[in-house]
Amino acid sequence: MQACHDIVGIREEETAEMSGQVDPTKRAALWQNRRVFYCTPQCIQKDLEAGLVPTGCISLIVVDEAHKAVGQYAYAVVVAELAKVSAGFRVLALSATPGKDRLKVQEILDNLRIQALEYKSETDPDVKPYVCVVYFPPPRAPAVAPTGEQSSRATGQRGQVPKDD
């Protein structure tokens, strides 16, 4: 949100942060008086169902974690509801983990009405400077506790490690 204020130049007075914690009456007023909204998908879904959202004024929806837009998840429902009353909005959907299953990815594209897809990997020149390689050493072999006769030999007298013979 700070980037919108500092970099893009959208004044804080023009924005609203809304979730289910904000009273619906207050959200209704915010929908009428603000330009940019930071909402949970469930909040905008409920406000659409309640008729609080001026649907004709929405020009862009930014969807973070777009891989969740499957089935009846709120992202999918919100876009479908908006599409019923307005064709004049765009969707920018972002996901670091879109999925490996082509059918699931296609469902996300369909649900969010995505027409163009841009894929970036860690080797792309504009992504590479932000990727750090993390080294994970191989796991050590698990220690095996001796049992039975080996156990008394390994611990020696009174819990002391025995001396080599």
N, C-alpha and C. Protein backbone atom coordinates (compact mmCIF):
# COMPACT_ATOMS: atom_id res chain seq x y z
N MET A 1 0.83 -1.18 0.00
CA MET A 1 0.00 0.00 0.00
C MET A 1 0.88 1.25 0.00
N GLN A 2 1.98 1.16 0.71
CA GLN A 2 2.87 2.31 0.78
C GLN A 2 3.42 2.64 -0.60
N ALA A 3 3.66 1.63 -1.42
CA ALA A 3 4.17 1.88 -2.77
C ALA A 3 3.17 2.68 -3.59
N CYS A 4 1.88 2.41 -3.43
CA CYS A 4 0.86 3.19 -4.14
C CYS A 4 0.92 4.66 -3.73
N HIS A 5 1.16 4.90 -2.46
CA HIS A 5 1.22 6.28 -1.98
C HIS A 5 2.52 6.95 -2.42
N ASP A 6 3.64 6.28 -2.20
CA ASP A 6 4.94 6.89 -2.42
C ASP A 6 5.39 6.88 -3.87
N ILE A 7 5.22 5.76 -4.55
CA ILE A 7 5.75 5.61 -5.90
C ILE A 7 4.74 6.02 -6.97
N VAL A 8 3.53 5.53 -6.84
CA VAL A 8 2.51 5.80 -7.86
C VAL A 8 1.87 7.17 -7.66
N GLY A 9 1.88 7.66 -6.45
CA GLY A 9 1.35 8.98 -6.19
C GLY A 9 -0.13 9.02 -5.86
N ILE A 10 -0.69 7.90 -5.47
CA ILE A 10 -2.09 7.88 -5.05
C ILE A 10 -2.15 8.33 -3.59
N ARG A 11 -2.89 9.38 -3.35
CA ARG A 11 -2.98 9.91 -1.99
C ARG A 11 -3.70 8.94 -1.07
N GLU A 12 -3.25 8.89 0.17
CA GLU A 12 -3.83 7.99 1.16
C GLU A 12 -5.32 8.24 1.35
N GLU A 13 -5.74 9.48 1.22
CA GLU A 13 -7.16 9.84 1.40
C GLU A 13 -8.05 9.23 0.31
N GLU A 14 -7.42 8.77 -0.78
CA GLU A 14 -8.19 8.18 -1.88
C GLU A 14 -8.29 6.66 -1.78
N THR A 15 -7.69 6.09 -0.72
CA THR A 15 -7.65 4.64 -0.59
C THR A 15 -8.41 4.17 0.65
N ALA A 16 -8.75 2.90 0.63
CA ALA A 16 -9.41 2.28 1.79
C ALA A 16 -8.92 0.86 1.92
N GLU A 17 -8.63 0.49 3.15
CA GLU A 17 -8.27 -0.89 3.46
C GLU A 17 -9.49 -1.52 4.12
N MET A 18 -10.01 -2.58 3.49
CA MET A 18 -11.26 -3.16 3.99
C MET A 18 -11.15 -4.68 4.14
N SER A 19 -11.74 -5.14 5.22
CA SER A 19 -11.87 -6.57 5.48
C SER A 19 -13.19 -6.77 6.20
N GLY A 20 -13.46 -7.97 6.60
CA GLY A 20 -14.68 -8.25 7.34
C GLY A 20 -14.71 -7.57 8.70
N GLN A 21 -13.57 -7.07 9.15
CA GLN A 21 -13.49 -6.39 10.44
C GLN A 21 -14.08 -4.97 10.38
N VAL A 22 -14.22 -4.43 9.15
CA VAL A 22 -14.78 -3.08 8.98
C VAL A 22 -16.29 -3.21 8.84
N ASP A 23 -17.01 -2.42 9.60
CA ASP A 23 -18.47 -2.44 9.60
C ASP A 23 -19.02 -2.24 8.18
N PRO A 24 -20.02 -3.04 7.75
CA PRO A 24 -20.58 -2.91 6.40
C PRO A 24 -21.09 -1.50 6.08
N THR A 25 -21.63 -0.79 7.05
CA THR A 25 -22.11 0.58 6.82
C THR A 25 -20.94 1.49 6.45
N LYS A 26 -19.83 1.31 7.15
CA LYS A 26 -18.64 2.11 6.85
C LYS A 26 -18.08 1.72 5.48
N ARG A 27 -18.08 0.42 5.16
CA ARG A 27 -17.59 -0.03 3.85
C ARG A 27 -18.45 0.56 2.74
N ALA A 28 -19.76 0.62 2.92
CA ALA A 28 -20.66 1.20 1.91
C ALA A 28 -20.26 2.64 1.62
N ALA A 29 -19.96 3.41 2.66
CA ALA A 29 -19.54 4.81 2.47
C ALA A 29 -18.19 4.88 1.78
N LEU A 30 -17.28 3.99 2.16
CA LEU A 30 -15.96 3.99 1.53
C LEU A 30 -16.05 3.67 0.04
N TRP A 31 -16.91 2.71 -0.33
CA TRP A 31 -17.09 2.36 -1.74
C TRP A 31 -17.53 3.58 -2.55
N GLN A 32 -18.26 4.47 -1.96
CA GLN A 32 -18.76 5.66 -2.67
C GLN A 32 -17.74 6.80 -2.71
N ASN A 33 -16.80 6.82 -1.76
CA ASN A 33 -15.94 8.00 -1.61
C ASN A 33 -14.46 7.78 -1.88
N ARG A 34 -14.05 6.57 -2.18
CA ARG A 34 -12.62 6.29 -2.39
C ARG A 34 -12.39 5.78 -3.80
N ARG A 35 -11.11 5.78 -4.21
CA ARG A 35 -10.72 5.38 -5.57
C ARG A 35 -10.04 4.02 -5.63
N VAL A 36 -9.23 3.72 -4.62
CA VAL A 36 -8.43 2.49 -4.61
C VAL A 36 -8.76 1.72 -3.33
N PHE A 37 -8.98 0.42 -3.49
CA PHE A 37 -9.40 -0.41 -2.36
C PHE A 37 -8.46 -1.59 -2.20
N TYR A 38 -8.05 -1.83 -0.98
CA TYR A 38 -7.27 -3.01 -0.62
C TYR A 38 -8.23 -3.88 0.18
N CYS A 39 -8.67 -4.97 -0.43
CA CYS A 39 -9.73 -5.79 0.18
C CYS A 39 -9.33 -7.25 0.21
N THR A 40 -9.87 -7.94 1.18
CA THR A 40 -9.80 -9.40 1.11
C THR A 40 -10.80 -9.82 0.03
N PRO A 41 -10.54 -10.93 -0.64
CA PRO A 41 -11.50 -11.37 -1.66
C PRO A 41 -12.87 -11.66 -1.09
N GLN A 42 -12.91 -12.16 0.15
CA GLN A 42 -14.20 -12.47 0.78
C GLN A 42 -14.98 -11.19 1.07
N CYS A 43 -14.28 -10.12 1.42
CA CYS A 43 -14.94 -8.84 1.71
C CYS A 43 -15.61 -8.28 0.46
N ILE A 44 -14.89 -8.25 -0.65
CA ILE A 44 -15.48 -7.70 -1.88
C ILE A 44 -16.61 -8.61 -2.36
N GLN A 45 -16.47 -9.93 -2.16
CA GLN A 45 -17.55 -10.84 -2.55
C GLN A 45 -18.83 -10.52 -1.77
N LYS A 46 -18.71 -10.37 -0.46
CA LYS A 46 -19.88 -10.07 0.37
C LYS A 46 -20.47 -8.71 0.01
N ASP A 47 -19.60 -7.72 -0.26
CA ASP A 47 -20.09 -6.39 -0.61
C ASP A 47 -20.77 -6.39 -1.98
N LEU A 48 -20.29 -7.21 -2.90
CA LEU A 48 -20.97 -7.35 -4.20
C LEU A 48 -22.36 -7.96 -3.99
N GLU A 49 -22.42 -9.02 -3.19
CA GLU A 49 -23.70 -9.68 -2.92
C GLU A 49 -24.68 -8.74 -2.24
N ALA A 50 -24.16 -7.82 -1.42
CA ALA A 50 -25.03 -6.87 -0.69
C ALA A 50 -25.35 -5.64 -1.52
N GLY A 51 -24.78 -5.54 -2.72
CA GLY A 51 -25.04 -4.39 -3.58
C GLY A 51 -24.32 -3.12 -3.15
N LEU A 52 -23.26 -3.23 -2.39
CA LEU A 52 -22.52 -2.06 -1.90
C LEU A 52 -21.50 -1.53 -2.91
N VAL A 53 -21.07 -2.38 -3.82
CA VAL A 53 -19.98 -2.03 -4.75
C VAL A 53 -20.54 -1.35 -6.00
N PRO A 54 -20.05 -0.15 -6.32
CA PRO A 54 -20.46 0.50 -7.58
C PRO A 54 -19.73 -0.18 -8.75
N THR A 55 -20.28 -1.28 -9.22
CA THR A 55 -19.59 -2.15 -10.18
C THR A 55 -19.17 -1.45 -11.47
N GLY A 56 -19.93 -0.47 -11.91
CA GLY A 56 -19.58 0.22 -13.15
C GLY A 56 -18.33 1.07 -13.05
N CYS A 57 -17.89 1.34 -11.84
CA CYS A 57 -16.70 2.18 -11.63
C CYS A 57 -15.41 1.38 -11.51
N ILE A 58 -15.50 0.08 -11.44
CA ILE A 58 -14.30 -0.73 -11.27
C ILE A 58 -13.60 -0.90 -12.61
N SER A 59 -12.33 -0.50 -12.65
CA SER A 59 -11.58 -0.60 -13.90
C SER A 59 -10.44 -1.62 -13.82
N LEU A 60 -9.99 -1.95 -12.61
CA LEU A 60 -8.87 -2.88 -12.45
C LEU A 60 -9.02 -3.65 -11.15
N ILE A 61 -8.77 -4.94 -11.23
CA ILE A 61 -8.70 -5.79 -10.04
C ILE A 61 -7.32 -6.43 -10.05
N VAL A 62 -6.59 -6.28 -8.97
CA VAL A 62 -5.29 -6.94 -8.83
C VAL A 62 -5.49 -8.11 -7.89
N VAL A 63 -5.15 -9.29 -8.37
CA VAL A 63 -5.34 -10.52 -7.62
C VAL A 63 -3.98 -11.05 -7.22
N ASP A 64 -3.71 -11.06 -5.92
CA ASP A 64 -2.49 -11.66 -5.42
C ASP A 64 -2.80 -13.11 -5.07
N GLU A 65 -1.84 -13.99 -5.25
CA GLU A 65 -2.04 -15.42 -5.03
C GLU A 65 -3.15 -15.96 -5.94
N ALA A 66 -3.02 -15.65 -7.21
CA ALA A 66 -4.05 -16.02 -8.19
C ALA A 66 -4.28 -17.53 -8.28
N HIS A 67 -3.31 -18.32 -7.85
CA HIS A 67 -3.48 -19.78 -7.91
C HIS A 67 -4.65 -20.26 -7.06
N LYS A 68 -5.19 -19.41 -6.21
CA LYS A 68 -6.35 -19.77 -5.39
C LYS A 68 -7.67 -19.61 -6.13
N ALA A 69 -7.65 -19.04 -7.32
CA ALA A 69 -8.89 -18.74 -8.05
C ALA A 69 -9.46 -19.98 -8.74
N VAL A 70 -9.73 -20.99 -7.97
CA VAL A 70 -10.31 -22.23 -8.49
C VAL A 70 -11.64 -22.49 -7.78
N GLY A 71 -12.48 -23.26 -8.42
CA GLY A 71 -13.77 -23.60 -7.83
C GLY A 71 -14.57 -22.35 -7.50
N GLN A 72 -15.13 -22.33 -6.30
CA GLN A 72 -15.95 -21.19 -5.86
C GLN A 72 -15.19 -20.27 -4.91
N TYR A 73 -13.85 -20.27 -4.99
CA TYR A 73 -13.08 -19.36 -4.15
C TYR A 73 -13.46 -17.93 -4.51
N ALA A 74 -13.38 -17.04 -3.56
CA ALA A 74 -13.89 -15.67 -3.71
C ALA A 74 -13.34 -14.94 -4.95
N TYR A 75 -12.06 -15.13 -5.27
CA TYR A 75 -11.52 -14.46 -6.46
C TYR A 75 -12.33 -14.79 -7.71
N ALA A 76 -12.60 -16.08 -7.89
CA ALA A 76 -13.34 -16.53 -9.07
C ALA A 76 -14.76 -15.99 -9.06
N VAL A 77 -15.40 -16.00 -7.91
CA VAL A 77 -16.78 -15.51 -7.79
C VAL A 77 -16.84 -14.01 -8.07
N VAL A 78 -15.91 -13.24 -7.52
CA VAL A 78 -15.90 -11.79 -7.71
C VAL A 78 -15.77 -11.43 -9.19
N VAL A 79 -14.83 -12.06 -9.87
CA VAL A 79 -14.64 -11.75 -11.30
C VAL A 79 -15.87 -12.16 -12.10
N ALA A 80 -16.46 -13.30 -11.79
CA ALA A 80 -17.66 -13.74 -12.50
C ALA A 80 -18.82 -12.77 -12.28
N GLU A 81 -19.00 -12.31 -11.04
CA GLU A 81 -20.08 -11.37 -10.74
C GLU A 81 -19.86 -10.03 -11.44
N LEU A 82 -18.63 -9.55 -11.42
CA LEU A 82 -18.35 -8.27 -12.11
C LEU A 82 -18.56 -8.39 -13.62
N ALA A 83 -18.19 -9.54 -14.17
CA ALA A 83 -18.34 -9.73 -15.61
C ALA A 83 -19.82 -9.73 -16.04
N LYS A 84 -20.73 -10.08 -15.13
CA LYS A 84 -22.16 -10.07 -15.45
C LYS A 84 -22.68 -8.65 -15.66
N VAL A 85 -22.08 -7.68 -14.99
CA VAL A 85 -22.61 -6.31 -15.04
C VAL A 85 -21.70 -5.32 -15.75
N SER A 86 -20.45 -5.72 -16.01
CA SER A 86 -19.51 -4.79 -16.64
C SER A 86 -18.43 -5.56 -17.38
N ALA A 87 -18.18 -5.16 -18.59
CA ALA A 87 -17.09 -5.77 -19.35
C ALA A 87 -15.86 -4.85 -19.34
N GLY A 88 -16.00 -3.69 -18.72
CA GLY A 88 -14.96 -2.69 -18.80
C GLY A 88 -13.96 -2.71 -17.66
N PHE A 89 -13.54 -3.88 -17.21
CA PHE A 89 -12.52 -3.94 -16.16
C PHE A 89 -11.43 -4.92 -16.60
N ARG A 90 -10.25 -4.71 -16.05
CA ARG A 90 -9.12 -5.59 -16.33
C ARG A 90 -8.71 -6.32 -15.07
N VAL A 91 -8.02 -7.43 -15.26
CA VAL A 91 -7.54 -8.22 -14.14
C VAL A 91 -6.03 -8.38 -14.29
N LEU A 92 -5.31 -8.04 -13.24
CA LEU A 92 -3.88 -8.31 -13.15
C LEU A 92 -3.73 -9.35 -12.07
N ALA A 93 -3.34 -10.55 -12.45
CA ALA A 93 -3.25 -11.66 -11.50
C ALA A 93 -1.80 -12.08 -11.33
N LEU A 94 -1.41 -12.26 -10.10
CA LEU A 94 -0.03 -12.61 -9.77
C LEU A 94 0.01 -13.90 -8.96
N SER A 95 1.01 -14.72 -9.25
CA SER A 95 1.20 -15.93 -8.47
C SER A 95 2.64 -16.40 -8.61
N ALA A 96 3.25 -16.73 -7.49
CA ALA A 96 4.59 -17.31 -7.53
C ALA A 96 4.51 -18.82 -7.74
N THR A 97 3.33 -19.39 -7.52
CA THR A 97 3.15 -20.84 -7.64
C THR A 97 1.87 -21.14 -8.41
N PRO A 98 1.85 -20.92 -9.72
CA PRO A 98 0.61 -21.12 -10.48
C PRO A 98 0.14 -22.56 -10.57
N GLY A 99 1.04 -23.50 -10.38
CA GLY A 99 0.65 -24.90 -10.43
C GLY A 99 1.34 -25.64 -11.56
N LYS A 100 1.41 -26.94 -11.42
CA LYS A 100 2.07 -27.78 -12.43
C LYS A 100 1.06 -28.44 -13.36
N ASP A 101 -0.16 -28.54 -12.91
CA ASP A 101 -1.22 -29.20 -13.66
C ASP A 101 -1.82 -28.21 -14.67
N ARG A 102 -1.70 -28.53 -15.96
CA ARG A 102 -2.20 -27.63 -17.02
C ARG A 102 -3.69 -27.33 -16.87
N LEU A 103 -4.48 -28.33 -16.48
CA LEU A 103 -5.92 -28.12 -16.34
C LEU A 103 -6.23 -27.13 -15.21
N LYS A 104 -5.46 -27.22 -14.11
CA LYS A 104 -5.68 -26.29 -13.01
C LYS A 104 -5.29 -24.87 -13.43
N VAL A 105 -4.17 -24.74 -14.12
CA VAL A 105 -3.75 -23.42 -14.59
C VAL A 105 -4.79 -22.86 -15.57
N GLN A 106 -5.33 -23.71 -16.44
CA GLN A 106 -6.36 -23.25 -17.38
C GLN A 106 -7.63 -22.82 -16.64
N GLU A 107 -7.98 -23.52 -15.57
CA GLU A 107 -9.15 -23.12 -14.77
C GLU A 107 -8.94 -21.73 -14.17
N ILE A 108 -7.74 -21.46 -13.69
CA ILE A 108 -7.42 -20.14 -13.13
C ILE A 108 -7.53 -19.08 -14.22
N LEU A 109 -6.96 -19.35 -15.38
CA LEU A 109 -7.05 -18.40 -16.50
C LEU A 109 -8.50 -18.12 -16.88
N ASP A 110 -9.30 -19.17 -16.94
CA ASP A 110 -10.72 -19.02 -17.29
C ASP A 110 -11.47 -18.25 -16.20
N ASN A 111 -11.27 -18.63 -14.95
CA ASN A 111 -11.99 -17.99 -13.85
C ASN A 111 -11.69 -16.50 -13.73
N LEU A 112 -10.46 -16.13 -14.01
CA LEU A 112 -10.07 -14.72 -13.90
C LEU A 112 -10.16 -14.00 -15.24
N ARG A 113 -10.62 -14.70 -16.27
CA ARG A 113 -10.78 -14.14 -17.61
C ARG A 113 -9.49 -13.54 -18.13
N ILE A 114 -8.41 -14.29 -17.92
CA ILE A 114 -7.08 -13.85 -18.34
C ILE A 114 -6.87 -14.21 -19.80
N GLN A 115 -6.47 -13.21 -20.57
CA GLN A 115 -6.27 -13.41 -22.00
C GLN A 115 -4.80 -13.46 -22.40
N ALA A 116 -3.92 -12.90 -21.58
CA ALA A 116 -2.50 -12.93 -21.87
C ALA A 116 -1.76 -13.38 -20.61
N LEU A 117 -0.73 -14.18 -20.82
CA LEU A 117 0.01 -14.75 -19.71
C LEU A 117 1.48 -14.42 -19.90
N GLU A 118 2.12 -13.97 -18.84
CA GLU A 118 3.56 -13.73 -18.88
C GLU A 118 4.20 -14.57 -17.80
N TYR A 119 5.15 -15.38 -18.23
CA TYR A 119 5.83 -16.29 -17.30
C TYR A 119 7.25 -15.80 -17.10
N LYS A 120 7.67 -15.76 -15.87
CA LYS A 120 9.05 -15.39 -15.54
C LYS A 120 9.65 -16.49 -14.69
N SER A 121 10.90 -16.84 -14.97
CA SER A 121 11.59 -17.82 -14.14
C SER A 121 12.78 -17.15 -13.47
N GLU A 122 13.43 -17.89 -12.59
CA GLU A 122 14.55 -17.32 -11.86
C GLU A 122 15.74 -16.97 -12.75
N THR A 123 15.72 -17.43 -14.00
CA THR A 123 16.83 -17.13 -14.90
C THR A 123 16.56 -15.92 -15.81
N ASP A 124 15.35 -15.36 -15.76
CA ASP A 124 15.05 -14.18 -16.57
C ASP A 124 15.90 -13.00 -16.10
N PRO A 125 16.43 -12.20 -17.04
CA PRO A 125 17.33 -11.10 -16.67
C PRO A 125 16.73 -10.10 -15.68
N ASP A 126 15.42 -9.85 -15.75
CA ASP A 126 14.83 -8.89 -14.81
C ASP A 126 14.44 -9.51 -13.48
N VAL A 127 14.58 -10.83 -13.36
CA VAL A 127 14.28 -11.52 -12.10
C VAL A 127 15.57 -11.96 -11.41
N LYS A 128 16.54 -12.36 -12.19
CA LYS A 128 17.78 -12.95 -11.68
C LYS A 128 18.45 -12.15 -10.56
N PRO A 129 18.53 -10.81 -10.63
CA PRO A 129 19.20 -10.07 -9.54
C PRO A 129 18.52 -10.23 -8.18
N TYR A 130 17.27 -10.67 -8.16
CA TYR A 130 16.52 -10.79 -6.91
C TYR A 130 16.46 -12.21 -6.38
N VAL A 131 17.11 -13.14 -7.08
CA VAL A 131 17.09 -14.53 -6.68
C VAL A 131 18.38 -14.84 -5.95
N CYS A 132 18.25 -15.40 -4.77
CA CYS A 132 19.47 -15.80 -4.05
C CYS A 132 19.47 -17.32 -3.97
N VAL A 133 20.64 -17.88 -4.12
CA VAL A 133 20.78 -19.32 -4.06
C VAL A 133 21.04 -19.68 -2.61
N VAL A 134 20.27 -20.59 -2.12
CA VAL A 134 20.42 -21.05 -0.74
C VAL A 134 20.96 -22.47 -0.79
N TYR A 135 22.06 -22.69 -0.08
CA TYR A 135 22.68 -24.01 -0.04
C TYR A 135 22.16 -24.77 1.17
N PHE A 136 21.63 -25.92 0.94
CA PHE A 136 21.20 -26.81 2.01
C PHE A 136 22.16 -28.00 2.02
N PRO A 137 22.97 -28.15 3.07
CA PRO A 137 23.89 -29.29 3.11
C PRO A 137 23.11 -30.59 3.14
N PRO A 138 23.72 -31.66 2.59
CA PRO A 138 23.00 -32.94 2.61
C PRO A 138 22.78 -33.39 4.05
N PRO A 139 21.69 -34.09 4.30
CA PRO A 139 21.41 -34.53 5.67
C PRO A 139 22.46 -35.54 6.14
N ARG A 140 22.80 -35.48 7.41
CA ARG A 140 23.75 -36.44 7.98
C ARG A 140 23.04 -37.76 8.19
N ALA A 141 23.83 -38.83 8.17
CA ALA A 141 23.26 -40.16 8.42
C ALA A 141 22.74 -40.19 9.85
N PRO A 142 21.59 -40.77 10.05
CA PRO A 142 21.04 -40.81 11.41
C PRO A 142 21.91 -41.67 12.33
N ALA A 143 22.05 -41.26 13.55
CA ALA A 143 22.79 -42.03 14.54
C ALA A 143 21.95 -43.23 14.94
N VAL A 144 22.61 -44.36 15.08
CA VAL A 144 21.91 -45.58 15.47
C VAL A 144 22.31 -45.91 16.89
N ALA A 145 21.36 -45.98 17.76
CA ALA A 145 21.62 -46.31 19.16
C ALA A 145 21.82 -47.80 19.28
N PRO A 146 22.91 -48.22 19.93
CA PRO A 146 23.13 -49.66 20.10
C PRO A 146 22.08 -50.26 21.04
N THR A 147 21.84 -51.53 20.85
CA THR A 147 20.84 -52.22 21.68
C THR A 147 21.46 -53.46 22.31
N GLY A 148 20.82 -53.99 23.32
CA GLY A 148 21.22 -55.26 23.95
C GLY A 148 22.65 -55.24 24.45
N GLU A 149 23.42 -56.30 24.10
CA GLU A 149 24.81 -56.45 24.55
C GLU A 149 25.66 -55.29 24.06
N GLN A 150 25.37 -54.83 22.82
CA GLN A 150 26.12 -53.70 22.28
C GLN A 150 25.91 -52.46 23.15
N SER A 151 24.73 -52.34 23.73
CA SER A 151 24.41 -51.17 24.53
C SER A 151 25.28 -51.09 25.76
N SER A 152 25.44 -52.23 26.49
CA SER A 152 26.26 -52.19 27.70
C SER A 152 27.72 -51.99 27.34
N ARG A 153 28.17 -52.51 26.23
CA ARG A 153 29.55 -52.32 25.77
C ARG A 153 29.77 -50.86 25.41
N ALA A 154 28.80 -50.21 24.74
CA ALA A 154 28.96 -48.84 24.28
C ALA A 154 28.95 -47.85 25.43
N THR A 155 28.22 -48.16 26.51
CA THR A 155 28.15 -47.21 27.63
C THR A 155 29.17 -47.49 28.71
N GLY A 156 29.71 -48.70 28.78
CA GLY A 156 30.71 -49.02 29.80
C GLY A 156 30.13 -48.98 31.19
N GLN A 157 30.96 -48.80 32.18
CA GLN A 157 30.52 -48.78 33.57
C GLN A 157 29.97 -47.41 33.93
N ARG A 158 28.88 -47.40 34.66
CA ARG A 158 28.25 -46.19 35.18
C ARG A 158 28.11 -45.09 34.13
N GLY A 159 27.70 -45.46 32.91
CA GLY A 159 27.44 -44.48 31.86
C GLY A 159 28.67 -43.85 31.25
N GLN A 160 29.87 -44.42 31.50
CA GLN A 160 31.10 -43.90 30.91
C GLN A 160 31.35 -44.57 29.57
N VAL A 161 31.95 -43.83 28.65
CA VAL A 161 32.29 -44.40 27.35
C VAL A 161 33.46 -45.33 27.56
N PRO A 162 33.37 -46.59 27.06
CA PRO A 162 34.45 -47.56 27.30
C PRO A 162 35.72 -47.18 26.54
N LYS A 163 36.84 -47.64 27.08
CA LYS A 163 38.14 -47.43 26.42
C LYS A 163 38.32 -48.48 25.35
N ASP A 164 39.10 -48.14 24.31
CA ASP A 164 39.35 -49.11 23.25
C ASP A 164 40.15 -50.28 23.81
N ASP A 165 39.85 -51.51 23.33
CA ASP A 165 40.57 -52.70 23.80
C ASP A 165 41.92 -52.79 23.16
